[in-house]
Protein backbone atom coordinates (compact mmCIF):
# COMPACT_ATOMS: atom_id res chain seq x y z
CA UNK A 1 22.13 23.58 12.89
CA UNK A 2 18.68 25.21 13.52
CA UNK A 3 16.02 24.04 11.04
CA UNK A 4 17.98 21.18 9.46
CA UNK A 5 17.21 17.47 9.65
CA UNK A 6 19.72 14.65 9.57
CA UNK A 7 17.40 11.92 8.21
CA UNK A 8 16.47 13.12 4.81
CA UNK A 9 16.88 10.83 1.89
CA UNK A 10 17.14 10.73 -1.89
CA UNK A 11 13.68 10.68 -3.46
CA UNK A 12 14.50 9.91 -7.11
CA UNK A 13 10.88 10.02 -8.26
CA UNK A 14 10.14 13.47 -6.77
CA UNK A 15 10.79 16.84 -8.43
CA UNK A 16 12.87 18.15 -5.58
CA UNK A 17 14.79 14.97 -5.17
CA UNK A 18 15.57 14.94 -1.43
CA UNK A 19 13.58 15.24 1.75
CA UNK A 20 11.71 13.13 4.24
CA UNK A 21 9.33 10.39 3.29
CA UNK A 22 6.63 8.93 5.44
CA UNK A 23 3.74 6.48 5.18
CA UNK A 24 0.37 7.37 6.63
CA UNK A 25 -2.94 5.57 7.37
CA UNK A 26 -5.77 8.06 7.13
CA UNK A 27 -9.53 8.13 6.66
CA UNK A 28 -11.80 10.58 5.06
CA UNK A 29 -15.52 10.82 5.80
CA UNK A 30 -17.16 13.60 3.82
CA UNK A 31 -15.27 16.86 4.70
CA UNK A 32 -13.70 15.28 7.79
CA UNK A 33 -10.36 13.69 7.59
CA UNK A 34 -8.48 11.68 10.27
CA UNK A 35 -4.92 10.56 10.55
CA UNK A 36 -4.69 7.37 12.39
CA UNK A 37 -0.90 6.80 12.39
CA UNK A 38 2.17 7.48 10.29
CA UNK A 39 5.83 6.37 10.27
CA UNK A 40 8.91 7.85 8.82
CA UNK A 41 10.69 5.88 6.12
CA UNK A 42 14.19 5.76 7.55
CA UNK A 43 15.35 2.12 7.07
CA UNK A 44 16.44 1.43 3.48
CA UNK A 45 17.76 -1.97 4.28
CA UNK A 46 14.57 -3.61 5.54
CA UNK A 47 13.36 -6.40 3.21
CA UNK A 48 9.73 -5.80 2.02
CA UNK A 49 9.85 -2.44 3.78
CA UNK A 50 6.79 -0.99 1.93
CA UNK A 51 4.59 -4.02 2.55
CA UNK A 52 5.68 -4.10 6.22
CA UNK A 53 5.03 -0.45 6.73
CA UNK A 54 1.46 -0.90 5.42
CA UNK A 55 0.88 -3.93 7.65
CA UNK A 56 2.30 -2.10 10.68
CA UNK A 57 -0.09 0.83 10.02
CA UNK A 58 -3.09 -1.48 9.56
CA UNK A 59 -2.32 -3.10 12.87
CA UNK A 60 -2.57 0.35 14.42
CA UNK A 61 -6.14 0.96 13.43
CA UNK A 62 -8.50 1.65 16.41
CA UNK A 63 -8.79 -1.28 18.85
CA UNK A 64 -11.71 -3.61 18.04
CA UNK A 65 -12.03 -2.34 14.54
CA UNK A 66 -12.59 -4.94 11.91
CA UNK A 67 -13.61 -5.04 8.29
CA UNK A 68 -12.01 -1.80 7.18
CA UNK A 69 -11.76 -1.37 3.43
CA UNK A 70 -8.24 -0.17 2.60
CA UNK A 71 -7.26 1.48 -0.66
CA UNK A 72 -3.68 1.08 -1.81
CA UNK A 73 -1.95 1.99 -4.99
CA UNK A 74 0.49 -0.29 -6.80
CA UNK A 75 3.49 0.77 -4.71
CA UNK A 76 1.94 -0.95 -1.67
CA UNK A 77 -0.32 -3.64 -3.16
CA UNK A 78 0.60 -7.28 -3.85
CA UNK A 79 -1.34 -10.56 -3.67
CA UNK A 80 0.73 -11.36 -0.46
CA UNK A 81 -0.21 -7.92 1.03
CA UNK A 82 -3.88 -8.62 0.28
CA UNK A 83 -3.65 -11.99 2.11
CA UNK A 84 -1.90 -10.43 5.12
CA UNK A 85 -4.53 -7.67 5.39
CA UNK A 86 -7.30 -10.24 5.19
CA UNK A 87 -5.70 -12.20 8.06
CA UNK A 88 -6.04 -9.03 10.15
CA UNK A 89 -9.70 -8.92 9.40
CA UNK A 90 -9.82 -6.18 6.82
CA UNK A 91 -10.16 -5.87 3.04
CA UNK A 92 -7.97 -4.08 0.56
CA UNK A 93 -8.32 -2.91 -3.07
CA UNK A 94 -6.29 -0.95 -5.59
CA UNK A 95 -3.93 -1.24 -8.47
CA UNK A 96 -1.52 -4.16 -8.68
CA UNK A 97 1.74 -4.41 -10.61
CA UNK A 98 2.01 -7.50 -12.73
CA UNK A 99 5.19 -8.72 -10.95
CA UNK A 100 3.56 -8.81 -7.50
CA UNK A 101 2.41 -12.45 -7.46
CA UNK A 102 -0.64 -12.34 -9.72
CA UNK A 103 -2.07 -15.83 -10.09
CA UNK A 104 -2.17 -17.16 -13.65
CA UNK A 105 -6.01 -17.49 -13.61
CA UNK A 106 -6.36 -13.78 -12.96
CA UNK A 107 -3.75 -12.93 -15.62
CA UNK A 108 -6.17 -14.47 -18.08
CA UNK A 109 -8.86 -11.98 -17.09
CA UNK A 110 -6.50 -8.99 -17.24
CA UNK A 111 -7.29 -5.90 -19.23
CA UNK A 112 -4.18 -3.98 -20.62
CA UNK A 113 -3.90 -0.41 -19.49
CA UNK A 114 -2.50 2.37 -21.58
CA UNK A 115 0.70 3.16 -19.59
CA UNK A 116 3.62 1.37 -18.21
CA UNK A 117 2.47 -2.15 -19.17
CA UNK A 118 0.20 -2.41 -16.07
CA UNK A 119 -2.95 -4.46 -16.13
CA UNK A 120 -6.31 -4.35 -14.45
CA UNK A 121 -7.71 -7.47 -12.96
CA UNK A 122 -11.40 -8.18 -12.39
CA UNK A 123 -12.04 -10.43 -9.39
CA UNK A 124 -15.51 -11.63 -8.29
CA UNK A 125 -16.12 -12.83 -4.68
CA UNK A 126 -16.23 -16.33 -5.95
CA UNK A 127 -12.63 -16.17 -7.24
CA UNK A 128 -10.09 -17.88 -5.05
CA UNK A 129 -6.61 -16.24 -4.82
CA UNK A 130 -4.98 -19.20 -3.10
């Protein structure tokens, strides 16, 4: 059994279709890149597993660190995720799927994108998401 793993999973959206999947929290500063933490995606039955994985990784940022600006694509991002990251003292930005809790007042400001029916939302610091 040398060289084989027992925890690979189906990855329907990838060309090879099976393998291991992990989530990572990293930083890049110029030519330097740092990996803070990562976790394997092994539990398919966990509710909100992608949001929970992001929040667990954010909690692992260096002790005493506050006010990181986190970039997340629409797989990870939701209005609830933004609120949870803000409670941890950080900020988050990125794309957002329309079915991830977008408030009606932001939907009115949306700009249609060319693919998949996604939208872009423009938020000023004065806007309240609550």
